C-alpha atoms as a PDB file:
ATOM      1  CA  MET A   1      40.823 -43.988   1.979  1.00  0.00           C
ATOM      2  CA  THR A   2      36.490 -43.000   1.721  1.00  0.00           C
ATOM      3  CA  ASP A   3      35.739 -46.187   3.266  1.00  0.00           C
ATOM      4  CA  SER A   4      37.111 -45.437   6.840  1.00  0.00           C
ATOM      5  CA  LYS A   5      36.062 -41.519   7.322  1.00  0.00           C
ATOM      6  CA  SER A   6      32.404 -42.713   6.073  1.00  0.00           C
ATOM      7  CA  THR A   7      32.304 -45.641   8.914  1.00  0.00           C
ATOM      8  CA  ARG A   8      34.160 -42.916  11.079  1.00  0.00           C
ATOM      9  CA  GLU A   9      31.064 -40.837  10.391  1.00  0.00           C
ATOM     10  CA  VAL A  10      28.645 -43.379  11.300  1.00  0.00           C
ATOM     11  CA  SER A  11      30.936 -44.592  14.149  1.00  0.00           C
ATOM     12  CA  ALA A  12      30.185 -40.998  15.464  1.00  0.00           C
ATOM     13  CA  ARG A  13      26.371 -40.471  14.870  1.00  0.00           C
ATOM     14  CA  VAL A  14      25.632 -44.296  16.306  1.00  0.00           C
ATOM     15  CA  SER A  15      28.220 -42.944  19.288  1.00  0.00           C
ATOM     16  CA  ARG A  16      26.065 -39.641  19.597  1.00  0.00           C
ATOM     17  CA  ARG A  17      22.833 -41.155  19.362  1.00  0.00           C
ATOM     18  CA  TRP A  18      22.699 -43.859  21.408  1.00  0.00           C
ATOM     19  CA  PRO A  19      21.822 -41.537  24.925  1.00  0.00           C
ATOM     20  CA  LEU A  20      19.439 -40.076  23.455  1.00  0.00           C
ATOM     21  CA  VAL A  21      18.781 -43.729  23.187  1.00  0.00           C
ATOM     22  CA  SER A  22      18.449 -44.848  26.313  1.00  0.00           C
ATOM     23  CA  ALA A  23      17.042 -42.266  27.823  1.00  0.00           C
ATOM     24  CA  ILE A  24      13.690 -41.710  25.461  1.00  0.00           C
ATOM     25  CA  THR A  25      13.925 -46.112  26.101  1.00  0.00           C
ATOM     26  CA  ALA A  26      14.302 -45.197  29.947  1.00  0.00           C
ATOM     27  CA  PHE A  27      11.166 -43.187  30.098  1.00  0.00           C
ATOM     28  CA  LEU A  28       8.791 -45.177  27.707  1.00  0.00           C
ATOM     29  CA  LEU A  29       9.654 -48.157  30.833  1.00  0.00           C
ATOM     30  CA  VAL A  30       8.459 -45.841  33.736  1.00  0.00           C
ATOM     31  CA  THR A  31       5.273 -44.067  31.196  1.00  0.00           C
ATOM     32  CA  LEU A  32       4.886 -48.039  30.538  1.00  0.00           C
ATOM     33  CA  LEU A  33       4.757 -49.153  34.574  1.00  0.00           C
ATOM     34  CA  ALA A  34       2.958 -46.003  35.119  1.00  0.00           C
ATOM     35  CA  LEU A  35      -0.068 -46.608  33.080  1.00  0.00           C
ATOM     36  CA  ILE A  36       0.219 -50.294  33.862  1.00  0.00           C
ATOM     37  CA  VAL A  37       0.090 -48.971  37.713  1.00  0.00           C
ATOM     38  CA  VAL A  38      -2.595 -46.523  36.571  1.00  0.00           C
ATOM     39  CA  TYR A  39      -5.329 -49.558  34.773  1.00  0.00           C
ATOM     40  CA  ARG A  40      -4.738 -51.276  38.260  1.00  0.00           C
ATOM     41  CA  GLU A  41      -7.914 -52.066  39.834  1.00  0.00           C
ATOM     42  CA  ALA A  42      -7.272 -48.272  42.823  1.00  0.00           C
ATOM     43  CA  ASN A  43      -3.891 -48.734  41.820  1.00  0.00           C
ATOM     44  CA  LYS A  44      -3.558 -52.062  43.526  1.00  0.00           C
ATOM     45  CA  PRO A  45       0.204 -53.630  43.557  1.00  0.00           C
ATOM     46  CA  PHE A  46       1.744 -56.187  42.164  1.00  0.00           C
ATOM     47  CA  GLY A  47       0.668 -60.374  43.265  1.00  0.00           C
ATOM     48  CA  PHE A  48       4.882 -59.746  43.741  1.00  0.00           C
ATOM     49  CA  GLU A  49       5.223 -56.885  45.570  1.00  0.00           C
ATOM     50  CA  VAL A  50       2.417 -58.052  48.533  1.00  0.00           C
ATOM     51  CA  GLU A  51       4.174 -60.868  49.265  1.00  0.00           C
ATOM     52  CA  TRP A  52       7.482 -58.940  49.803  1.00  0.00           C
ATOM     53  CA  MET A  53       6.067 -56.904  51.702  1.00  0.00           C
ATOM     54  CA  SER A  54       3.856 -59.378  53.841  1.00  0.00           C
ATOM     55  CA  GLU A  55       7.699 -60.903  54.424  1.00  0.00           C
ATOM     56  CA  LEU A  56       9.457 -57.893  55.066  1.00  0.00           C
ATOM     57  CA  VAL A  57       6.858 -56.635  57.733  1.00  0.00           C
ATOM     58  CA  GLU A  58       7.307 -60.239  58.978  1.00  0.00           C
ATOM     59  CA  HIS A  59      10.776 -59.848  59.140  1.00  0.00           C
ATOM     60  CA  ARG A  60      11.504 -57.312  60.569  1.00  0.00           C
ATOM     61  CA  GLY A  61      13.746 -56.096  63.408  1.00  0.00           C
ATOM     62  CA  GLU A  62      16.136 -53.228  65.161  1.00  0.00           C
ATOM     63  CA  PRO A  63      19.361 -53.370  63.497  1.00  0.00           C
ATOM     64  CA  TRP A  64      17.716 -52.952  59.662  1.00  0.00           C
ATOM     65  CA  THR A  65      15.070 -51.075  60.603  1.00  0.00           C
ATOM     66  CA  TRP A  66      17.833 -48.685  61.744  1.00  0.00           C
ATOM     67  CA  LEU A  67      19.444 -48.446  58.816  1.00  0.00           C
ATOM     68  CA  ALA A  68      16.674 -48.147  56.887  1.00  0.00           C
ATOM     69  CA  LEU A  69      15.674 -44.856  58.092  1.00  0.00           C
ATOM     70  CA  VAL A  70      19.173 -44.070  58.164  1.00  0.00           C
ATOM     71  CA  PHE A  71      18.906 -44.104  54.059  1.00  0.00           C
ATOM     72  CA  ASN A  72      15.396 -42.384  54.188  1.00  0.00           C
ATOM     73  CA  SER A  73      17.156 -39.433  56.216  1.00  0.00           C
ATOM     74  CA  VAL A  74      19.896 -39.773  53.750  1.00  0.00           C
ATOM     75  CA  GLY A  75      17.402 -40.043  50.836  1.00  0.00           C
ATOM     76  CA  GLY A  76      14.979 -37.408  51.554  1.00  0.00           C
ATOM     77  CA  GLY A  77      13.712 -34.146  53.181  1.00  0.00           C
ATOM     78  CA  VAL A  78      16.710 -31.269  53.894  1.00  0.00           C
ATOM     79  CA  LEU A  79      19.422 -33.577  52.881  1.00  0.00           C
ATOM     80  CA  ALA A  80      18.615 -35.063  50.059  1.00  0.00           C
ATOM     81  CA  ILE A  81      17.606 -31.701  48.388  1.00  0.00           C
ATOM     82  CA  ALA A  82      19.808 -28.901  49.852  1.00  0.00           C
ATOM     83  CA  VAL A  83      22.480 -30.328  52.338  1.00  0.00           C
ATOM     84  CA  ILE A  84      23.470 -33.065  49.611  1.00  0.00           C
ATOM     85  CA  PRO A  85      23.314 -31.087  45.925  1.00  0.00           C
ATOM     86  CA  VAL A  86      24.409 -27.276  48.147  1.00  0.00           C
ATOM     87  CA  VAL A  87      27.944 -29.341  49.280  1.00  0.00           C
ATOM     88  CA  THR A  88      28.296 -31.324  46.705  1.00  0.00           C
ATOM     89  CA  ILE A  89      27.530 -28.762  43.964  1.00  0.00           C
ATOM     90  CA  VAL A  90      30.107 -26.626  45.706  1.00  0.00           C
ATOM     91  CA  GLY A  91      32.671 -28.975  46.600  1.00  0.00           C
ATOM     92  CA  LEU A  92      33.157 -29.673  41.984  1.00  0.00           C
ATOM     93  CA  LEU A  93      33.669 -25.658  42.283  1.00  0.00           C
ATOM     94  CA  LEU A  94      36.184 -25.974  44.922  1.00  0.00           C
ATOM     95  CA  PHE A  95      37.828 -28.304  42.572  1.00  0.00           C
ATOM     96  CA  ARG A  96      36.995 -26.130  39.404  1.00  0.00           C
ATOM     97  CA  ARG A  97      34.706 -28.908  38.294  1.00  0.00           C
ATOM     98  CA  PRO A  98      31.498 -26.220  36.688  1.00  0.00           C
ATOM     99  CA  TRP A  99      30.594 -28.387  33.793  1.00  0.00           C
ATOM    100  CA  ALA A 100      29.954 -30.961  36.419  1.00  0.00           C
ATOM    101  CA  ALA A 101      28.930 -28.856  39.227  1.00  0.00           C
ATOM    102  CA  LEU A 102      26.199 -27.971  36.228  1.00  0.00           C
ATOM    103  CA  TYR A 103      25.713 -31.550  35.234  1.00  0.00           C
ATOM    104  CA  TYR A 104      24.743 -32.787  38.672  1.00  0.00           C
ATOM    105  CA  ALA A 105      22.656 -29.827  39.798  1.00  0.00           C
ATOM    106  CA  SER A 106      20.124 -30.081  36.608  1.00  0.00           C
ATOM    107  CA  ALA A 107      20.122 -33.461  36.455  1.00  0.00           C
ATOM    108  CA  THR A 108      19.198 -33.299  40.800  1.00  0.00           C
ATOM    109  CA  ILE A 109      16.534 -30.221  40.312  1.00  0.00           C
ATOM    110  CA  LEU A 110      15.522 -32.795  36.714  1.00  0.00           C
ATOM    111  CA  ALA A 111      15.051 -35.826  37.970  1.00  0.00           C
ATOM    112  CA  THR A 112      13.234 -34.235  41.000  1.00  0.00           C
ATOM    113  CA  LEU A 113      10.894 -31.772  38.780  1.00  0.00           C
ATOM    114  CA  ILE A 114       9.920 -35.333  36.789  1.00  0.00           C
ATOM    115  CA  VAL A 115       8.936 -37.715  40.220  1.00  0.00           C
ATOM    116  CA  GLN A 116       7.042 -34.749  41.867  1.00  0.00           C
ATOM    117  CA  LEU A 117       4.939 -34.366  38.245  1.00  0.00           C
ATOM    118  CA  VAL A 118       4.503 -38.277  37.656  1.00  0.00           C
ATOM    119  CA  LYS A 119       3.194 -38.443  41.629  1.00  0.00           C
ATOM    120  CA  ASN A 120       1.159 -36.086  40.925  1.00  0.00           C
ATOM    121  CA  ILE A 121      -0.235 -37.450  38.106  1.00  0.00           C
ATOM    122  CA  VAL A 122      -0.980 -41.569  39.161  1.00  0.00           C
ATOM    123  CA  GLY A 123      -1.939 -40.472  42.809  1.00  0.00           C
ATOM    124  CA  ARG A 124      -0.535 -44.230  44.012  1.00  0.00           C
ATOM    125  CA  PRO A 125      -1.808 -44.728  47.275  1.00  0.00           C
ATOM    126  CA  ARG A 126       1.361 -46.176  49.787  1.00  0.00           C
ATOM    127  CA  PRO A 127       1.197 -49.107  51.684  1.00  0.00           C
ATOM    128  CA  LEU A 128      -1.116 -49.345  54.609  1.00  0.00           C
ATOM    129  CA  ASP A 129       3.008 -51.075  56.820  1.00  0.00           C
ATOM    130  CA  ILE A 130       4.531 -47.995  57.119  1.00  0.00           C
ATOM    131  CA  LEU A 131       7.066 -46.755  58.916  1.00  0.00           C
ATOM    132  CA  VAL A 132       7.597 -43.467  58.434  1.00  0.00           C
ATOM    133  CA  ALA A 133       5.608 -40.158  57.398  1.00  0.00           C
ATOM    134  CA  ALA A 134       6.223 -39.218  53.682  1.00  0.00           C
ATOM    135  CA  ASP A 135       3.537 -37.454  51.459  1.00  0.00           C
ATOM    136  CA  PRO A 136       0.615 -38.752  48.911  1.00  0.00           C
ATOM    137  CA  GLY A 137       1.750 -40.457  45.882  1.00  0.00           C
ATOM    138  CA  SER A 138       3.677 -43.888  45.940  1.00  0.00           C
ATOM    139  CA  PHE A 139       4.369 -43.716  42.637  1.00  0.00           C
ATOM    140  CA  PRO A 140       7.686 -43.403  42.209  1.00  0.00           C
ATOM    141  CA  SER A 141       9.692 -43.575  44.747  1.00  0.00           C
ATOM    142  CA  GLY A 142      11.664 -39.926  44.961  1.00  0.00           C
ATOM    143  CA  HIS A 143      14.246 -41.305  47.403  1.00  0.00           C
ATOM    144  CA  SER A 144      15.122 -44.261  44.767  1.00  0.00           C
ATOM    145  CA  ALA A 145      15.474 -41.165  42.112  1.00  0.00           C
ATOM    146  CA  ASN A 146      17.546 -39.061  44.540  1.00  0.00           C
ATOM    147  CA  ALA A 147      19.738 -42.280  45.213  1.00  0.00           C
ATOM    148  CA  ALA A 148      20.080 -43.749  41.091  1.00  0.00           C
ATOM    149  CA  VAL A 149      21.019 -39.525  39.929  1.00  0.00           C
ATOM    150  CA  MET A 150      23.254 -39.305  42.483  1.00  0.00           C
ATOM    151  CA  ALA A 151      24.862 -42.600  41.125  1.00  0.00           C
ATOM    152  CA  ALA A 152      24.740 -41.776  38.480  1.00  0.00           C
ATOM    153  CA  THR A 153      25.990 -38.183  37.988  1.00  0.00           C
ATOM    154  CA  PHE A 154      29.203 -39.456  39.935  1.00  0.00           C
ATOM    155  CA  ALA A 155      29.439 -42.587  37.827  1.00  0.00           C
ATOM    156  CA  ILE A 156      29.957 -39.892  34.843  1.00  0.00           C
ATOM    157  CA  ILE A 157      32.165 -37.014  36.601  1.00  0.00           C
ATOM    158  CA  PHE A 158      34.333 -39.594  37.830  1.00  0.00           C
ATOM    159  CA  PRO A 159      35.264 -42.788  35.882  1.00  0.00           C
ATOM    160  CA  ARG A 160      36.715 -45.016  38.102  1.00  0.00           C
ATOM    161  CA  VAL A 161      35.277 -48.479  39.233  1.00  0.00           C
ATOM    162  CA  TRP A 162      34.670 -47.742  42.420  1.00  0.00           C
ATOM    163  CA  VAL A 163      32.337 -45.341  42.292  1.00  0.00           C
ATOM    164  CA  TRP A 164      30.317 -47.298  39.874  1.00  0.00           C
ATOM    165  CA  VAL A 165      30.291 -49.814  42.611  1.00  0.00           C
ATOM    166  CA  ALA A 166      29.728 -47.733  45.469  1.00  0.00           C
ATOM    167  CA  GLY A 167      26.670 -46.083  43.496  1.00  0.00           C
ATOM    168  CA  ALA A 168      24.718 -49.278  42.786  1.00  0.00           C
ATOM    169  CA  VAL A 169      25.497 -51.238  46.276  1.00  0.00           C
ATOM    170  CA  TYR A 170      23.686 -47.079  47.157  1.00  0.00           C
ATOM    171  CA  THR A 171      21.190 -47.163  44.968  1.00  0.00           C
ATOM    172  CA  VAL A 172      19.770 -50.530  45.893  1.00  0.00           C
ATOM    173  CA  GLY A 173      19.800 -50.638  49.576  1.00  0.00           C
ATOM    174  CA  MET A 174      17.644 -47.304  48.559  1.00  0.00           C
ATOM    175  CA  MET A 175      15.660 -49.034  47.303  1.00  0.00           C
ATOM    176  CA  LEU A 176      15.225 -52.044  49.115  1.00  0.00           C
ATOM    177  CA  SER A 177      14.793 -49.574  52.642  1.00  0.00           C
ATOM    178  CA  ARG A 178      12.059 -47.890  50.876  1.00  0.00           C
ATOM    179  CA  THR A 179       9.955 -51.092  50.485  1.00  0.00           C
ATOM    180  CA  TYR A 180      11.426 -52.600  53.744  1.00  0.00           C
ATOM    181  CA  LEU A 181      10.071 -49.513  55.504  1.00  0.00           C
ATOM    182  CA  GLY A 182       6.755 -49.805  53.895  1.00  0.00           C
ATOM    183  CA  ALA A 183       6.518 -46.275  52.048  1.00  0.00           C
ATOM    184  CA  HIS A 184       7.017 -47.494  48.266  1.00  0.00           C
ATOM    185  CA  TRP A 185       6.027 -50.979  47.027  1.00  0.00           C
ATOM    186  CA  ILE A 186       8.739 -52.499  44.405  1.00  0.00           C
ATOM    187  CA  SER A 187       7.758 -51.002  41.013  1.00  0.00           C
ATOM    188  CA  ASP A 188       7.167 -47.426  42.786  1.00  0.00           C
ATOM    189  CA  THR A 189      11.359 -47.770  43.768  1.00  0.00           C
ATOM    190  CA  ILE A 190      11.839 -49.185  39.791  1.00  0.00           C
ATOM    191  CA  GLY A 191      10.138 -46.450  38.143  1.00  0.00           C
ATOM    192  CA  GLY A 192      12.261 -44.226  40.291  1.00  0.00           C
ATOM    193  CA  LEU A 193      15.299 -45.789  39.135  1.00  0.00           C
ATOM    194  CA  LEU A 194      14.150 -45.191  35.664  1.00  0.00           C
ATOM    195  CA  ILE A 195      13.768 -42.505  35.571  1.00  0.00           C
ATOM    196  CA  ALA A 196      16.642 -41.301  37.351  1.00  0.00           C
ATOM    197  CA  LEU A 197      19.218 -42.786  34.555  1.00  0.00           C
ATOM    198  CA  GLY A 198      17.046 -41.371  31.836  1.00  0.00           C
ATOM    199  CA  VAL A 199      17.618 -37.656  33.778  1.00  0.00           C
ATOM    200  CA  ALA A 200      21.466 -38.644  34.013  1.00  0.00           C
ATOM    201  CA  ILE A 201      21.752 -39.736  30.681  1.00  0.00           C
ATOM    202  CA  ILE A 202      20.041 -37.472  28.384  1.00  0.00           C
ATOM    203  CA  ILE A 203      21.096 -33.868  30.356  1.00  0.00           C
ATOM    204  CA  TRP A 204      24.833 -35.480  30.131  1.00  0.00           C
ATOM    205  CA  ALA A 205      24.542 -36.445  26.063  1.00  0.00           C
ATOM    206  CA  PRO A 206      25.207 -32.984  24.952  1.00  0.00           C
ATOM    207  CA  LEU A 207      27.773 -31.669  27.777  1.00  0.00           C
ATOM    208  CA  ALA A 208      29.777 -35.008  27.224  1.00  0.00           C
ATOM    209  CA  ASN A 209      32.464 -33.348  25.404  1.00  0.00           C
ATOM    210  CA  ARG A 210      32.995 -30.511  27.576  1.00  0.00           C
ATOM    211  CA  LEU A 211      32.877 -33.274  30.716  1.00  0.00           C
ATOM    212  CA  GLN A 212      35.393 -35.001  28.438  1.00  0.00           C
ATOM    213  CA  ARG A 213      37.420 -31.642  28.757  1.00  0.00           C
ATOM    214  CA  GLU A 214      36.835 -30.878  31.917  1.00  0.00           C
ATOM    215  CA  ARG A 215      38.620 -34.454  33.621  1.00  0.00           C
ATOM    216  CA  GLU A 216      41.840 -34.740  31.249  1.00  0.00           C
ATOM    217  CA  GLN A 217      42.522 -31.403  31.573  1.00  0.00           C
ATOM    218  CA  PRO A 218      42.322 -30.866  35.888  1.00  0.00           C
ATOM    219  CA  HIS A 219      43.224 -27.663  37.398  1.00  0.00           C
ATOM    220  CA  PRO A 220      44.388 -26.766  40.605  1.00  0.00           C
ATOM    221  CA  PRO A 221      41.511 -26.501  43.758  1.00  0.00           C
ATOM    222  CA  ILE A 222      41.026 -22.752  43.955  1.00  0.00           C
ATOM    223  CA  TRP A 223      42.642 -22.802  47.372  1.00  0.00           C
ATOM    224  CA  GLN A 224      45.592 -23.916  46.056  1.00  0.00           C
ATOM    225  CA  ARG A 225      45.977 -21.341  43.016  1.00  0.00           C
ATOM    226  CA  ALA A 226      45.224 -18.133  45.151  1.00  0.00           C
ATOM    227  CA  SER A 227      47.906 -19.938  47.668  1.00  0.00           C
ATOM    228  CA  SER A 228      50.386 -19.713  44.739  1.00  0.00           C
ATOM    229  CA  GLU A 229      49.589 -17.126  43.053  1.00  0.00           C
ATOM    230  CA  SER A 230      49.976 -15.287  46.349  1.00  0.00           C
ATOM    231  CA  ALA A 231      53.548 -16.644  46.304  1.00  0.00           C
END
């Protein structure tokens, strides 16, 4: 009995620690990648990144450019910073998921702040063959971070296979579109991805139990509750 209890306690401690370990690992990888980028002469891109960019520039075409521009609009600017987050938060609140709304909002804001901080510290120049207007600072990719933090938080809030698949497709599509448009090098998009995953995991850890209980005890949407009370 004692051995069984001890095993459960150890297992619980491990389960509580792994999100923190995972998040710290992601941040360490971002830091290492940033140091490598800065250490290289004038933030020079890696050889494989130059070859990838050359291939993309050579094979640019109207349908792919149009799709990449759609990703550009959805993943940045007013849509990504204000419209999508506000709609998501309001939607979660209407469906009586306040802890999910808090989790999503916190992860989105923190990821954005960290991305901007790292951009200013690293100061990596963007590629020359860029097709869109963008602020200074190539590393890390804010669009990729926005996509990844949305995908990760949605996957935790709505643990369904199709949500995970859709989030992965959306994130990879965003990362590819950023290099296609010449707005980022591959390492920039990886940096954005790692920051987003680290933030999503580390903020999820202290809220995990509340999010779980909220998910297991669903409440009717606000409008349904209001109509039932008025009846």
